[in-house]
């Protein structure tokens, strides 16, 4: 199975919250970061009414591994953050609403986080996978080992 970059995305949220107050406007590469040889890119926009948005994405050889967003308003003390996307099971999972991420490969996969627990609900082509609640790594192993692997085998 390919690497799960969800935890990397979660770590990036803290970086986005820290950088939103002082990152330069526009798109720039951040050279001084804790992610080794990976490329960290920031896009920072601000509106005249005091809304700031910072998107951070981390890439390895032009392949995005994780992307997050921080938003802030000048009247609010702390920015809000969210994961925009993360790569796992050789698929790119994009954020939807309510802690849900989707990806399309051989099938359409939906991962919905269970708020307050370390479990996820996996849906494949709008059908719930069994068991109902699993750890993220187990859901990704099911995707890559059962659904995507069958496609690659022919």
N, C-alpha and C. Protein backbone atom coordinates (compact mmCIF):
# COMPACT_ATOMS: atom_id res chain seq x y z
N UNK A 1 0.84 -1.18 0.00
CA UNK A 1 0.00 0.00 0.00
C UNK A 1 0.88 1.24 0.00
N UNK A 2 0.43 2.28 -0.67
CA UNK A 2 1.17 3.53 -0.66
C UNK A 2 1.04 4.20 0.70
N UNK A 3 1.85 5.17 0.92
CA UNK A 3 1.86 5.86 2.19
C UNK A 3 0.57 6.66 2.40
N UNK A 4 0.13 6.71 3.64
CA UNK A 4 -1.02 7.48 4.05
C UNK A 4 -0.52 8.86 4.51
N UNK A 5 -0.94 9.91 3.83
CA UNK A 5 -0.46 11.26 4.15
C UNK A 5 -1.47 12.09 4.93
N UNK A 6 -2.45 11.44 5.56
CA UNK A 6 -3.42 12.17 6.37
C UNK A 6 -2.75 12.85 7.55
N UNK A 7 -1.88 12.14 8.26
CA UNK A 7 -1.18 12.73 9.41
C UNK A 7 -0.30 13.91 8.99
N UNK A 8 0.28 13.82 7.81
CA UNK A 8 1.06 14.93 7.27
C UNK A 8 0.16 16.14 7.06
N UNK A 9 -1.02 15.92 6.52
CA UNK A 9 -1.98 17.01 6.33
C UNK A 9 -2.38 17.61 7.68
N UNK A 10 -2.59 16.77 8.67
CA UNK A 10 -2.96 17.26 9.99
C UNK A 10 -1.85 18.14 10.57
N UNK A 11 -0.60 17.75 10.37
CA UNK A 11 0.52 18.56 10.85
C UNK A 11 0.61 19.88 10.11
N UNK A 12 0.29 19.88 8.84
CA UNK A 12 0.32 21.11 8.04
C UNK A 12 -0.69 22.15 8.53
N UNK A 13 -1.79 21.70 9.13
CA UNK A 13 -2.79 22.66 9.61
C UNK A 13 -2.20 23.62 10.64
N UNK A 14 -1.36 23.11 11.53
CA UNK A 14 -0.71 23.97 12.52
C UNK A 14 0.22 24.97 11.84
N UNK A 15 0.95 24.52 10.82
CA UNK A 15 1.83 25.41 10.08
C UNK A 15 1.05 26.51 9.38
N UNK A 16 -0.08 26.14 8.79
CA UNK A 16 -0.91 27.14 8.09
C UNK A 16 -1.42 28.18 9.07
N UNK A 17 -1.86 27.74 10.24
CA UNK A 17 -2.34 28.68 11.26
C UNK A 17 -1.23 29.63 11.70
N UNK A 18 0.00 29.12 11.80
CA UNK A 18 1.13 29.96 12.20
C UNK A 18 1.54 30.93 11.11
N UNK A 19 1.47 30.52 9.85
CA UNK A 19 1.97 31.33 8.74
C UNK A 19 0.98 32.38 8.23
N UNK A 20 -0.29 32.22 8.49
CA UNK A 20 -1.28 33.10 7.87
C UNK A 20 -1.06 34.57 8.24
N UNK A 21 -0.53 34.82 9.41
CA UNK A 21 -0.32 36.20 9.84
C UNK A 21 0.86 36.90 9.20
N UNK A 22 1.79 36.16 8.62
CA UNK A 22 2.99 36.82 8.10
C UNK A 22 3.52 36.26 6.77
N UNK A 23 2.79 35.38 6.15
CA UNK A 23 3.22 34.87 4.83
C UNK A 23 3.05 35.97 3.80
N UNK A 24 3.96 36.05 2.84
CA UNK A 24 3.81 37.07 1.79
C UNK A 24 2.57 36.79 0.92
N UNK A 25 2.00 37.84 0.38
CA UNK A 25 0.86 37.70 -0.53
C UNK A 25 1.31 37.00 -1.81
N UNK A 26 0.41 36.25 -2.41
CA UNK A 26 0.72 35.52 -3.64
C UNK A 26 1.18 34.11 -3.34
N UNK A 27 1.80 33.50 -4.32
CA UNK A 27 2.28 32.13 -4.20
C UNK A 27 3.79 32.13 -4.03
N UNK A 28 4.26 31.38 -3.05
CA UNK A 28 5.70 31.32 -2.80
C UNK A 28 6.08 29.94 -2.29
N UNK A 29 7.33 29.59 -2.50
CA UNK A 29 7.89 28.35 -1.98
C UNK A 29 8.53 28.66 -0.64
N UNK A 30 8.27 27.82 0.35
CA UNK A 30 8.84 27.99 1.68
C UNK A 30 10.01 27.02 1.81
N UNK A 31 11.20 27.58 1.94
CA UNK A 31 12.40 26.74 1.98
C UNK A 31 12.73 26.23 3.37
N UNK A 32 12.40 26.99 4.40
CA UNK A 32 12.74 26.61 5.77
C UNK A 32 11.52 25.95 6.42
N UNK A 33 11.50 24.61 6.39
CA UNK A 33 10.38 23.87 6.98
C UNK A 33 10.88 22.53 7.50
N UNK A 34 10.00 21.83 8.19
CA UNK A 34 10.37 20.58 8.87
C UNK A 34 10.09 19.32 8.06
N UNK A 35 9.86 19.46 6.75
CA UNK A 35 9.44 18.31 5.95
C UNK A 35 10.53 17.81 4.99
N UNK A 36 11.77 18.04 5.37
CA UNK A 36 12.89 17.49 4.62
C UNK A 36 12.96 17.98 3.18
N UNK A 37 13.12 17.03 2.25
CA UNK A 37 13.29 17.37 0.84
C UNK A 37 11.97 17.65 0.12
N UNK A 38 10.85 17.54 0.81
CA UNK A 38 9.57 17.82 0.18
C UNK A 38 9.43 19.31 -0.09
N UNK A 39 8.67 19.66 -1.10
CA UNK A 39 8.47 21.06 -1.45
C UNK A 39 7.20 21.57 -0.77
N UNK A 40 7.34 22.68 -0.05
CA UNK A 40 6.22 23.31 0.63
C UNK A 40 5.91 24.62 -0.07
N UNK A 41 4.67 24.77 -0.52
CA UNK A 41 4.25 25.95 -1.27
C UNK A 41 3.07 26.58 -0.55
N UNK A 42 3.06 27.91 -0.51
CA UNK A 42 1.97 28.66 0.12
C UNK A 42 1.37 29.63 -0.87
N UNK A 43 0.04 29.73 -0.84
CA UNK A 43 -0.67 30.76 -1.58
C UNK A 43 -1.48 31.56 -0.57
N UNK A 44 -1.16 32.86 -0.46
CA UNK A 44 -1.79 33.71 0.54
C UNK A 44 -2.53 34.83 -0.17
N UNK A 45 -3.82 34.97 0.17
CA UNK A 45 -4.63 36.06 -0.38
C UNK A 45 -5.30 36.79 0.78
N UNK A 46 -5.52 38.06 0.57
CA UNK A 46 -6.21 38.88 1.56
C UNK A 46 -7.17 39.80 0.84
N UNK A 47 -8.29 40.07 1.48
CA UNK A 47 -9.27 40.98 0.91
C UNK A 47 -9.22 42.31 1.66
N UNK A 48 -9.79 43.32 1.06
CA UNK A 48 -9.78 44.65 1.68
C UNK A 48 -10.56 44.69 2.99
N UNK A 49 -11.51 43.78 3.17
CA UNK A 49 -12.30 43.79 4.41
C UNK A 49 -11.68 42.94 5.52
N UNK A 50 -10.42 42.52 5.36
CA UNK A 50 -9.69 41.85 6.44
C UNK A 50 -9.75 40.35 6.47
N UNK A 51 -10.20 39.69 5.41
CA UNK A 51 -10.21 38.23 5.35
C UNK A 51 -8.91 37.73 4.72
N UNK A 52 -8.26 36.82 5.39
CA UNK A 52 -7.03 36.19 4.88
C UNK A 52 -7.29 34.72 4.63
N UNK A 53 -6.71 34.21 3.54
CA UNK A 53 -6.75 32.78 3.24
C UNK A 53 -5.35 32.34 2.88
N UNK A 54 -4.90 31.27 3.49
CA UNK A 54 -3.60 30.69 3.19
C UNK A 54 -3.80 29.22 2.86
N UNK A 55 -3.33 28.80 1.70
CA UNK A 55 -3.36 27.40 1.32
C UNK A 55 -1.92 26.92 1.29
N UNK A 56 -1.65 25.84 2.00
CA UNK A 56 -0.33 25.21 1.99
C UNK A 56 -0.46 23.85 1.33
N UNK A 57 0.48 23.53 0.45
CA UNK A 57 0.50 22.18 -0.08
C UNK A 57 1.93 21.68 -0.10
N UNK A 58 2.04 20.39 0.15
CA UNK A 58 3.32 19.72 0.23
C UNK A 58 3.41 18.73 -0.90
N UNK A 59 4.52 18.79 -1.65
CA UNK A 59 4.65 17.94 -2.83
C UNK A 59 5.98 17.21 -2.82
N UNK A 60 5.98 16.08 -3.51
CA UNK A 60 7.17 15.29 -3.72
C UNK A 60 7.27 15.02 -5.22
N UNK A 61 8.23 15.64 -5.89
CA UNK A 61 8.40 15.48 -7.34
C UNK A 61 7.10 15.77 -8.10
N UNK A 62 6.52 16.92 -7.87
CA UNK A 62 5.31 17.38 -8.55
C UNK A 62 4.07 16.54 -8.23
N UNK A 63 4.12 15.75 -7.22
CA UNK A 63 2.97 14.95 -6.78
C UNK A 63 2.53 15.48 -5.41
N UNK A 64 1.34 16.08 -5.37
CA UNK A 64 0.86 16.66 -4.13
C UNK A 64 0.55 15.53 -3.14
N UNK A 65 1.07 15.69 -1.93
CA UNK A 65 0.86 14.71 -0.87
C UNK A 65 -0.24 15.16 0.09
N UNK A 66 -0.31 16.47 0.33
CA UNK A 66 -1.29 17.00 1.27
C UNK A 66 -1.48 18.49 1.01
N UNK A 67 -2.70 18.97 1.26
CA UNK A 67 -3.00 20.39 1.13
C UNK A 67 -3.95 20.79 2.25
N UNK A 68 -3.71 21.96 2.83
CA UNK A 68 -4.56 22.48 3.90
C UNK A 68 -4.86 23.95 3.65
N UNK A 69 -5.86 24.45 4.36
CA UNK A 69 -6.26 25.85 4.22
C UNK A 69 -6.46 26.44 5.61
N UNK A 70 -5.99 27.67 5.78
CA UNK A 70 -6.27 28.44 6.99
C UNK A 70 -6.97 29.72 6.56
N UNK A 71 -8.00 30.09 7.30
CA UNK A 71 -8.70 31.34 7.03
C UNK A 71 -8.77 32.13 8.33
N UNK A 72 -8.70 33.44 8.18
CA UNK A 72 -8.74 34.31 9.35
C UNK A 72 -9.38 35.63 8.97
N UNK A 73 -9.91 36.29 9.96
CA UNK A 73 -10.43 37.64 9.81
C UNK A 73 -9.74 38.48 10.85
N UNK A 74 -9.50 39.72 10.54
CA UNK A 74 -8.74 40.58 11.45
C UNK A 74 -9.40 40.71 12.82
N UNK A 75 -10.71 40.48 12.92
CA UNK A 75 -11.41 40.59 14.19
C UNK A 75 -11.41 39.31 15.01
N UNK A 76 -10.87 38.23 14.48
CA UNK A 76 -10.87 36.93 15.15
C UNK A 76 -9.45 36.59 15.59
N UNK A 77 -9.33 36.12 16.83
CA UNK A 77 -8.00 35.86 17.40
C UNK A 77 -7.29 34.68 16.76
N UNK A 78 -8.03 33.61 16.43
CA UNK A 78 -7.39 32.40 15.92
C UNK A 78 -7.97 32.04 14.55
N UNK A 79 -7.09 31.65 13.63
CA UNK A 79 -7.60 31.23 12.31
C UNK A 79 -8.28 29.87 12.39
N UNK A 80 -9.15 29.61 11.45
CA UNK A 80 -9.71 28.26 11.33
C UNK A 80 -8.92 27.52 10.25
N UNK A 81 -8.79 26.22 10.43
CA UNK A 81 -8.02 25.42 9.48
C UNK A 81 -8.82 24.20 9.08
N UNK A 82 -8.46 23.67 7.92
CA UNK A 82 -9.09 22.43 7.46
C UNK A 82 -8.16 21.75 6.48
N UNK A 83 -8.29 20.43 6.40
CA UNK A 83 -7.56 19.67 5.39
C UNK A 83 -8.32 19.78 4.09
N UNK A 84 -7.63 20.14 3.02
CA UNK A 84 -8.23 20.25 1.70
C UNK A 84 -8.13 18.92 0.97
N UNK A 85 -6.96 18.27 1.07
CA UNK A 85 -6.75 17.00 0.36
C UNK A 85 -5.55 16.28 0.96
N UNK A 86 -5.56 14.95 0.79
CA UNK A 86 -4.39 14.16 1.16
C UNK A 86 -4.31 12.94 0.26
N UNK A 87 -3.09 12.47 0.01
CA UNK A 87 -2.87 11.29 -0.82
C UNK A 87 -2.73 10.06 0.08
N UNK A 88 -3.43 9.01 -0.31
CA UNK A 88 -3.35 7.73 0.41
C UNK A 88 -3.88 6.64 -0.51
N UNK A 89 -3.37 5.44 -0.37
CA UNK A 89 -3.78 4.29 -1.19
C UNK A 89 -3.66 4.62 -2.68
N UNK A 90 -2.65 5.41 -3.03
CA UNK A 90 -2.40 5.86 -4.41
C UNK A 90 -3.55 6.65 -5.01
N UNK A 91 -4.35 7.27 -4.16
CA UNK A 91 -5.47 8.11 -4.59
C UNK A 91 -5.37 9.46 -3.89
N UNK A 92 -5.98 10.49 -4.49
CA UNK A 92 -6.04 11.80 -3.85
C UNK A 92 -7.44 11.97 -3.27
N UNK A 93 -7.52 12.07 -1.95
CA UNK A 93 -8.79 12.27 -1.26
C UNK A 93 -9.01 13.77 -1.08
N UNK A 94 -10.12 14.27 -1.58
CA UNK A 94 -10.46 15.68 -1.50
C UNK A 94 -11.54 15.90 -0.45
N UNK A 95 -11.42 16.99 0.28
CA UNK A 95 -12.37 17.30 1.35
C UNK A 95 -13.75 17.63 0.79
N UNK A 96 -14.73 17.17 1.49
CA UNK A 96 -16.13 17.52 1.27
C UNK A 96 -16.62 18.11 2.59
N UNK A 97 -17.87 18.06 2.88
CA UNK A 97 -18.38 18.61 4.13
C UNK A 97 -18.31 17.58 5.25
N UNK A 98 -18.38 18.07 6.48
CA UNK A 98 -18.51 17.23 7.67
C UNK A 98 -17.44 16.16 7.81
N UNK A 99 -16.17 16.54 7.69
CA UNK A 99 -15.05 15.62 7.91
C UNK A 99 -15.10 14.41 6.99
N UNK A 100 -15.48 14.67 5.75
CA UNK A 100 -15.61 13.62 4.75
C UNK A 100 -14.68 13.92 3.59
N UNK A 101 -14.07 12.86 3.04
CA UNK A 101 -13.14 12.98 1.93
C UNK A 101 -13.52 11.96 0.87
N UNK A 102 -13.38 12.35 -0.40
CA UNK A 102 -13.69 11.42 -1.49
C UNK A 102 -12.53 11.30 -2.45
N UNK A 103 -12.44 10.15 -3.10
CA UNK A 103 -11.43 9.88 -4.13
C UNK A 103 -12.06 8.98 -5.17
N UNK A 104 -11.55 9.09 -6.38
CA UNK A 104 -12.03 8.23 -7.45
C UNK A 104 -10.86 7.49 -8.06
N UNK A 105 -11.02 6.20 -8.14
CA UNK A 105 -10.07 5.31 -8.80
C UNK A 105 -10.90 4.35 -9.62
N UNK A 106 -10.74 3.08 -9.34
CA UNK A 106 -11.60 2.06 -9.97
C UNK A 106 -13.04 2.25 -9.52
N UNK A 107 -13.20 2.75 -8.30
CA UNK A 107 -14.50 3.03 -7.70
C UNK A 107 -14.45 4.44 -7.12
N UNK A 108 -15.58 4.89 -6.61
CA UNK A 108 -15.62 6.15 -5.87
C UNK A 108 -15.62 5.80 -4.39
N UNK A 109 -14.65 6.36 -3.67
CA UNK A 109 -14.47 6.06 -2.25
C UNK A 109 -14.80 7.29 -1.43
N UNK A 110 -15.51 7.09 -0.35
CA UNK A 110 -15.79 8.16 0.60
C UNK A 110 -15.34 7.70 1.97
N UNK A 111 -14.53 8.53 2.60
CA UNK A 111 -14.08 8.29 3.97
C UNK A 111 -14.69 9.37 4.85
N UNK A 112 -15.46 8.97 5.84
CA UNK A 112 -16.08 9.91 6.77
C UNK A 112 -15.53 9.66 8.16
N UNK A 113 -14.91 10.68 8.73
CA UNK A 113 -14.35 10.55 10.07
C UNK A 113 -15.45 10.50 11.11
N UNK A 114 -15.24 9.70 12.12
CA UNK A 114 -16.15 9.65 13.25
C UNK A 114 -15.64 10.69 14.25
N UNK A 115 -16.38 11.77 14.42
CA UNK A 115 -15.96 12.85 15.30
C UNK A 115 -15.86 12.33 16.73
N UNK A 116 -14.72 12.60 17.35
CA UNK A 116 -14.49 12.17 18.72
C UNK A 116 -13.92 10.78 18.86
N UNK A 117 -13.66 10.10 17.74
CA UNK A 117 -13.09 8.75 17.78
C UNK A 117 -12.04 8.63 16.68
N UNK A 118 -11.25 7.59 16.75
CA UNK A 118 -10.23 7.35 15.73
C UNK A 118 -10.71 6.35 14.70
N UNK A 119 -11.97 6.41 14.34
CA UNK A 119 -12.51 5.49 13.35
C UNK A 119 -13.12 6.25 12.18
N UNK A 120 -13.25 5.52 11.08
CA UNK A 120 -13.76 6.08 9.84
C UNK A 120 -14.80 5.13 9.24
N UNK A 121 -15.73 5.70 8.49
CA UNK A 121 -16.70 4.92 7.73
C UNK A 121 -16.25 4.96 6.27
N UNK A 122 -16.05 3.82 5.67
CA UNK A 122 -15.68 3.73 4.26
C UNK A 122 -16.91 3.38 3.44
N UNK A 123 -17.13 4.14 2.39
CA UNK A 123 -18.21 3.87 1.44
C UNK A 123 -17.57 3.68 0.08
N UNK A 124 -17.97 2.64 -0.62
CA UNK A 124 -17.46 2.34 -1.95
C UNK A 124 -18.65 2.37 -2.91
N UNK A 125 -18.60 3.29 -3.86
CA UNK A 125 -19.71 3.45 -4.81
C UNK A 125 -21.06 3.55 -4.09
N UNK A 126 -21.09 4.36 -3.03
CA UNK A 126 -22.30 4.64 -2.26
C UNK A 126 -22.80 3.45 -1.44
N UNK A 127 -21.97 2.43 -1.26
CA UNK A 127 -22.33 1.27 -0.42
C UNK A 127 -21.35 1.21 0.74
N UNK A 128 -21.85 1.09 1.95
CA UNK A 128 -20.98 1.02 3.11
C UNK A 128 -20.18 -0.26 3.11
N UNK A 129 -18.89 -0.10 3.37
CA UNK A 129 -18.01 -1.27 3.48
C UNK A 129 -18.17 -1.89 4.86
N UNK A 130 -17.79 -3.15 4.97
CA UNK A 130 -17.87 -3.85 6.25
C UNK A 130 -16.45 -4.08 6.74
N UNK A 131 -16.14 -3.86 7.99
CA UNK A 131 -17.02 -3.46 9.08
C UNK A 131 -17.41 -1.99 8.99
N UNK A 132 -18.39 -1.58 9.77
CA UNK A 132 -18.95 -0.23 9.67
C UNK A 132 -17.94 0.85 10.06
N UNK A 133 -17.18 0.65 11.10
CA UNK A 133 -16.21 1.64 11.58
C UNK A 133 -14.83 0.99 11.65
N UNK A 134 -13.84 1.61 11.01
CA UNK A 134 -12.48 1.06 11.00
C UNK A 134 -11.47 2.18 11.18
N UNK A 135 -10.26 1.80 11.54
CA UNK A 135 -9.16 2.75 11.58
C UNK A 135 -8.85 3.18 10.15
N UNK A 136 -8.32 4.38 10.00
CA UNK A 136 -8.04 4.91 8.67
C UNK A 136 -7.11 3.98 7.89
N UNK A 137 -6.05 3.50 8.50
CA UNK A 137 -5.12 2.61 7.79
C UNK A 137 -5.81 1.33 7.33
N UNK A 138 -6.75 0.83 8.12
CA UNK A 138 -7.49 -0.37 7.71
C UNK A 138 -8.40 -0.09 6.52
N UNK A 139 -9.04 1.06 6.52
CA UNK A 139 -9.89 1.45 5.38
C UNK A 139 -9.04 1.60 4.11
N UNK A 140 -7.88 2.20 4.25
CA UNK A 140 -7.00 2.39 3.09
C UNK A 140 -6.44 1.06 2.60
N UNK A 141 -6.14 0.15 3.52
CA UNK A 141 -5.67 -1.18 3.13
C UNK A 141 -6.76 -1.93 2.36
N UNK A 142 -7.99 -1.77 2.78
CA UNK A 142 -9.11 -2.39 2.09
C UNK A 142 -9.25 -1.83 0.67
N UNK A 143 -9.09 -0.51 0.55
CA UNK A 143 -9.18 0.12 -0.78
C UNK A 143 -8.07 -0.40 -1.68
N UNK A 144 -6.83 -0.31 -1.21
CA UNK A 144 -5.70 -0.68 -2.09
C UNK A 144 -5.60 -2.18 -2.30
N UNK A 145 -5.94 -2.97 -1.29
CA UNK A 145 -5.78 -4.42 -1.39
C UNK A 145 -6.94 -5.13 -2.05
N UNK A 146 -8.13 -4.59 -1.91
CA UNK A 146 -9.31 -5.27 -2.44
C UNK A 146 -9.83 -4.60 -3.71
N UNK A 147 -10.13 -3.34 -3.64
CA UNK A 147 -10.79 -2.66 -4.76
C UNK A 147 -9.81 -2.23 -5.86
N UNK A 148 -8.77 -1.52 -5.51
CA UNK A 148 -7.83 -1.02 -6.51
C UNK A 148 -6.92 -2.13 -7.02
N UNK A 149 -6.50 -3.06 -6.15
CA UNK A 149 -5.62 -4.14 -6.53
C UNK A 149 -6.30 -5.05 -7.57
N UNK A 150 -7.57 -5.29 -7.41
CA UNK A 150 -8.31 -6.12 -8.38
C UNK A 150 -8.33 -5.46 -9.75
N UNK A 151 -8.40 -4.14 -9.76
CA UNK A 151 -8.39 -3.40 -11.02
C UNK A 151 -7.02 -3.50 -11.70
N UNK A 152 -5.96 -3.35 -10.89
CA UNK A 152 -4.60 -3.38 -11.45
C UNK A 152 -4.27 -4.77 -11.97
N UNK A 153 -4.83 -5.81 -11.35
CA UNK A 153 -4.53 -7.17 -11.77
C UNK A 153 -5.23 -7.53 -13.08
N UNK A 154 -6.22 -6.76 -13.44
CA UNK A 154 -6.85 -6.98 -14.73
C UNK A 154 -8.22 -7.49 -14.64
